[in-house]
Amino acid sequence: MSDREYFADLKKIYVTEALGASIYDSMVGKMAACGLRDVYVKLGANERRMMALVDTELRKLGIEVPELKKNMTVAVMSALFRITPLVMQQRLLSHVAKKKIFGRWYALHHQQNEELWGILLEHERLQYGVLVGPRSADGEQREPP
């Protein structure tokens, strides 16, 4: 994996986390105060924390951080999230979590910065557990009670 591909993947993560924060913020705005709303607030904050970590890594490497105000994907998707029904947003997040993108990127890049990639992988696992559901010790999806 070249440095160029590593930098490109870091930028993708930064934008992905911005999209995640945007969808969680949108979901929070559509919910009354409840336990699930609080979970989405925390997940949105966690997305912003991951963005900050990737921002730090990009700057440390001397790479320009994507400017989100000029990013068409973030702008369009943020607008769509505001009008998308909550249940569709929940399904979208579950679908994205099942892809385990960070796990694949971890396998490619973790030697570059083991600490950062370990945190990103744990972030993905946390979201997967919340959005998709718990796993048994052998990794199989548990049936709801």
C-alpha atoms as a PDB file:
ATOM      1  CA  MET A   1       0.000   0.000   0.000  1.00  0.00           C
ATOM      2  CA  SER A   2       1.493   3.319  -1.059  1.00  0.00           C
ATOM      3  CA  ASP A   3       1.556   6.483   1.025  1.00  0.00           C
ATOM      4  CA  ARG A   4      -0.768   8.044  -1.525  1.00  0.00           C
ATOM      5  CA  GLU A   5      -3.405   5.346  -0.965  1.00  0.00           C
ATOM      6  CA  TYR A   6      -2.976   5.679   2.804  1.00  0.00           C
ATOM      7  CA  PHE A   7      -3.544   9.437   2.636  1.00  0.00           C
ATOM      8  CA  ALA A   8      -6.585   8.947   0.393  1.00  0.00           C
ATOM      9  CA  ASP A   9      -8.097   6.423   2.821  1.00  0.00           C
ATOM     10  CA  LEU A  10      -7.535   8.781   5.754  1.00  0.00           C
ATOM     11  CA  LYS A  11      -9.376  11.507   3.855  1.00  0.00           C
ATOM     12  CA  LYS A  12     -12.229   9.079   3.122  1.00  0.00           C
ATOM     13  CA  ILE A  13     -12.453   8.277   6.822  1.00  0.00           C
ATOM     14  CA  TYR A  14     -12.565  11.968   7.682  1.00  0.00           C
ATOM     15  CA  VAL A  15     -15.480  12.530   5.289  1.00  0.00           C
ATOM     16  CA  THR A  16     -17.199   9.313   6.415  1.00  0.00           C
ATOM     17  CA  GLU A  17     -17.044  10.457  10.031  1.00  0.00           C
ATOM     18  CA  ALA A  18     -18.448  13.860   9.032  1.00  0.00           C
ATOM     19  CA  LEU A  19     -21.350  12.085   7.335  1.00  0.00           C
ATOM     20  CA  GLY A  20     -21.837   9.936  10.431  1.00  0.00           C
ATOM     21  CA  ALA A  21     -21.959  12.979  12.697  1.00  0.00           C
ATOM     22  CA  SER A  22     -24.436  14.620  10.324  1.00  0.00           C
ATOM     23  CA  ILE A  23     -26.821  11.664  10.245  1.00  0.00           C
ATOM     24  CA  TYR A  24     -26.685  11.213  14.034  1.00  0.00           C
ATOM     25  CA  ASP A  25     -27.386  14.921  14.534  1.00  0.00           C
ATOM     26  CA  SER A  26     -30.328  14.647  12.157  1.00  0.00           C
ATOM     27  CA  MET A  27     -31.669  11.611  13.995  1.00  0.00           C
ATOM     28  CA  VAL A  28     -31.357  13.325  17.369  1.00  0.00           C
ATOM     29  CA  GLY A  29     -33.349  16.254  16.026  1.00  0.00           C
ATOM     30  CA  LYS A  30     -36.199  13.920  15.079  1.00  0.00           C
ATOM     31  CA  MET A  31     -36.486  12.141  18.425  1.00  0.00           C
ATOM     32  CA  ALA A  32     -38.083  13.034  21.717  1.00  0.00           C
ATOM     33  CA  ALA A  33     -35.928  12.746  24.816  1.00  0.00           C
ATOM     34  CA  CYS A  34     -35.346   9.046  25.443  1.00  0.00           C
ATOM     35  CA  GLY A  35     -32.550   6.573  25.999  1.00  0.00           C
ATOM     36  CA  LEU A  36     -32.068   5.902  22.287  1.00  0.00           C
ATOM     37  CA  ARG A  37     -31.784   9.622  21.585  1.00  0.00           C
ATOM     38  CA  ASP A  38     -28.987   9.819  24.168  1.00  0.00           C
ATOM     39  CA  VAL A  39     -27.202   6.934  22.424  1.00  0.00           C
ATOM     40  CA  TYR A  40     -27.332   8.814  19.107  1.00  0.00           C
ATOM     41  CA  VAL A  41     -25.998  11.962  20.805  1.00  0.00           C
ATOM     42  CA  LYS A  42     -23.033   9.938  22.089  1.00  0.00           C
ATOM     43  CA  LEU A  43     -22.458   8.250  18.738  1.00  0.00           C
ATOM     44  CA  GLY A  44     -22.430  11.654  17.016  1.00  0.00           C
ATOM     45  CA  ALA A  45     -19.879  12.905  19.544  1.00  0.00           C
ATOM     46  CA  ASN A  46     -17.806   9.789  18.909  1.00  0.00           C
ATOM     47  CA  GLU A  47     -17.879  10.496  15.154  1.00  0.00           C
ATOM     48  CA  ARG A  48     -16.504  13.988  15.817  1.00  0.00           C
ATOM     49  CA  ARG A  49     -13.812  12.508  18.073  1.00  0.00           C
ATOM     50  CA  MET A  50     -12.730  10.157  15.271  1.00  0.00           C
ATOM     51  CA  MET A  51     -12.666  13.093  12.859  1.00  0.00           C
ATOM     52  CA  ALA A  52     -10.371  14.957  15.238  1.00  0.00           C
ATOM     53  CA  LEU A  53      -8.012  11.970  15.465  1.00  0.00           C
ATOM     54  CA  VAL A  54      -7.853  11.637  11.678  1.00  0.00           C
ATOM     55  CA  ASP A  55      -7.407  15.411  11.353  1.00  0.00           C
ATOM     56  CA  THR A  56      -4.409  15.182  13.696  1.00  0.00           C
ATOM     57  CA  GLU A  57      -2.923  12.282  11.701  1.00  0.00           C
ATOM     58  CA  LEU A  58      -3.353  14.085   8.380  1.00  0.00           C
ATOM     59  CA  ARG A  59      -1.759  17.272   9.715  1.00  0.00           C
ATOM     60  CA  LYS A  60       1.089  15.297  11.276  1.00  0.00           C
ATOM     61  CA  LEU A  61       1.769  13.792   7.844  1.00  0.00           C
ATOM     62  CA  GLY A  62       1.596  17.216   6.184  1.00  0.00           C
ATOM     63  CA  ILE A  63      -1.565  16.346   4.265  1.00  0.00           C
ATOM     64  CA  GLU A  64      -4.357  18.852   3.698  1.00  0.00           C
ATOM     65  CA  VAL A  65      -7.509  18.055   5.666  1.00  0.00           C
ATOM     66  CA  PRO A  66     -10.655  17.938   3.504  1.00  0.00           C
ATOM     67  CA  GLU A  67     -12.649  21.151   3.749  1.00  0.00           C
ATOM     68  CA  LEU A  68     -16.129  19.930   4.574  1.00  0.00           C
ATOM     69  CA  LYS A  69     -17.925  23.134   3.600  1.00  0.00           C
ATOM     70  CA  LYS A  70     -16.735  22.593   0.036  1.00  0.00           C
ATOM     71  CA  ASN A  71     -17.342  18.831   0.003  1.00  0.00           C
ATOM     72  CA  MET A  72     -20.374  18.213  -2.198  1.00  0.00           C
ATOM     73  CA  THR A  73     -21.037  14.755  -0.746  1.00  0.00           C
ATOM     74  CA  VAL A  74     -21.227  16.063   2.810  1.00  0.00           C
ATOM     75  CA  ALA A  75     -23.380  19.042   1.798  1.00  0.00           C
ATOM     76  CA  VAL A  76     -25.879  17.015  -0.241  1.00  0.00           C
ATOM     77  CA  MET A  77     -26.111  14.115   2.198  1.00  0.00           C
ATOM     78  CA  SER A  78     -26.533  16.440   5.189  1.00  0.00           C
ATOM     79  CA  ALA A  79     -29.481  18.077   3.417  1.00  0.00           C
ATOM     80  CA  LEU A  80     -30.965  14.680   2.555  1.00  0.00           C
ATOM     81  CA  PHE A  81     -30.594  13.460   6.132  1.00  0.00           C
ATOM     82  CA  ARG A  82     -32.768  16.342   7.310  1.00  0.00           C
ATOM     83  CA  ILE A  83     -35.686  15.145   5.169  1.00  0.00           C
ATOM     84  CA  THR A  84     -35.119  11.384   5.397  1.00  0.00           C
ATOM     85  CA  PRO A  85     -37.434   9.567   7.814  1.00  0.00           C
ATOM     86  CA  LEU A  86     -35.813   8.315  11.004  1.00  0.00           C
ATOM     87  CA  VAL A  87     -36.467   4.634  10.275  1.00  0.00           C
ATOM     88  CA  MET A  88     -34.683   4.931   6.904  1.00  0.00           C
ATOM     89  CA  GLN A  89     -31.708   6.579   8.585  1.00  0.00           C
ATOM     90  CA  GLN A  90     -31.543   3.749  11.110  1.00  0.00           C
ATOM     91  CA  ARG A  91     -31.594   1.171   8.304  1.00  0.00           C
ATOM     92  CA  LEU A  92     -28.886   3.040   6.408  1.00  0.00           C
ATOM     93  CA  LEU A  93     -26.607   3.118   9.441  1.00  0.00           C
ATOM     94  CA  SER A  94     -27.145  -0.584  10.095  1.00  0.00           C
ATOM     95  CA  HIS A  95     -26.334  -1.377   6.455  1.00  0.00           C
ATOM     96  CA  VAL A  96     -23.153   0.708   6.543  1.00  0.00           C
ATOM     97  CA  ALA A  97     -22.053  -0.817   9.875  1.00  0.00           C
ATOM     98  CA  LYS A  98     -22.381  -4.331   8.429  1.00  0.00           C
ATOM     99  CA  LYS A  99     -19.803  -3.512   5.756  1.00  0.00           C
ATOM    100  CA  LYS A 100     -17.031  -3.187   8.375  1.00  0.00           C
ATOM    101  CA  ILE A 101     -15.013  -0.825   6.190  1.00  0.00           C
ATOM    102  CA  PHE A 102     -12.595   0.163   8.949  1.00  0.00           C
ATOM    103  CA  GLY A 103     -11.758  -3.483   9.567  1.00  0.00           C
ATOM    104  CA  ARG A 104     -10.602  -3.791   5.960  1.00  0.00           C
ATOM    105  CA  TRP A 105      -8.650  -0.533   6.136  1.00  0.00           C
ATOM    106  CA  TYR A 106      -7.139  -1.614   9.459  1.00  0.00           C
ATOM    107  CA  ALA A 107      -5.721  -4.720   7.782  1.00  0.00           C
ATOM    108  CA  LEU A 108      -4.098  -2.531   5.120  1.00  0.00           C
ATOM    109  CA  HIS A 109      -2.835   0.376   7.213  1.00  0.00           C
ATOM    110  CA  HIS A 110      -2.443  -0.466  10.896  1.00  0.00           C
ATOM    111  CA  GLN A 111       1.363  -0.540  10.625  1.00  0.00           C
ATOM    112  CA  GLN A 112       1.312   3.173   9.766  1.00  0.00           C
ATOM    113  CA  ASN A 113      -0.116   4.138  13.166  1.00  0.00           C
ATOM    114  CA  GLU A 114      -1.179   1.199  15.340  1.00  0.00           C
ATOM    115  CA  GLU A 115      -2.754   3.406  18.012  1.00  0.00           C
ATOM    116  CA  LEU A 116      -4.930   5.383  15.581  1.00  0.00           C
ATOM    117  CA  TRP A 117      -6.069   2.309  13.687  1.00  0.00           C
ATOM    118  CA  GLY A 118      -6.802   0.439  16.909  1.00  0.00           C
ATOM    119  CA  ILE A 119      -9.053   3.307  18.024  1.00  0.00           C
ATOM    120  CA  LEU A 120     -10.800   3.434  14.630  1.00  0.00           C
ATOM    121  CA  LEU A 121     -11.360  -0.321  14.688  1.00  0.00           C
ATOM    122  CA  GLU A 122     -12.816  -0.156  18.202  1.00  0.00           C
ATOM    123  CA  HIS A 123     -15.044   2.721  17.041  1.00  0.00           C
ATOM    124  CA  GLU A 124     -16.378   0.507  14.250  1.00  0.00           C
ATOM    125  CA  ARG A 125     -16.968  -2.387  16.649  1.00  0.00           C
ATOM    126  CA  LEU A 126     -18.869  -0.122  19.040  1.00  0.00           C
ATOM    127  CA  GLN A 127     -21.111   1.155  16.276  1.00  0.00           C
ATOM    128  CA  TYR A 128     -21.641  -2.336  14.925  1.00  0.00           C
ATOM    129  CA  GLY A 129     -22.745  -3.544  18.354  1.00  0.00           C
ATOM    130  CA  VAL A 130     -25.179  -0.658  18.763  1.00  0.00           C
ATOM    131  CA  LEU A 131     -26.540  -0.513  15.214  1.00  0.00           C
ATOM    132  CA  VAL A 132     -26.520  -4.148  14.161  1.00  0.00           C
ATOM    133  CA  GLY A 133     -26.781  -5.919  17.490  1.00  0.00           C
ATOM    134  CA  PRO A 134     -24.760  -7.969  19.891  1.00  0.00           C
ATOM    135  CA  ARG A 135     -22.638 -10.935  18.913  1.00  0.00           C
ATOM    136  CA  SER A 136     -22.070 -14.171  20.715  1.00  0.00           C
ATOM    137  CA  ALA A 137     -18.555 -15.199  21.820  1.00  0.00           C
ATOM    138  CA  ASP A 138     -18.083 -17.037  18.506  1.00  0.00           C
ATOM    139  CA  GLY A 139     -19.039 -13.928  16.497  1.00  0.00           C
ATOM    140  CA  GLU A 140     -22.494 -15.095  15.434  1.00  0.00           C
ATOM    141  CA  GLN A 141     -25.396 -12.637  15.433  1.00  0.00           C
ATOM    142  CA  ARG A 142     -27.562 -13.192  18.490  1.00  0.00           C
ATOM    143  CA  GLU A 143     -31.305 -13.401  18.050  1.00  0.00           C
ATOM    144  CA  PRO A 144     -33.251 -10.704  19.867  1.00  0.00           C
ATOM    145  CA  PRO A 145     -34.945 -11.919  23.070  1.00  0.00           C
END
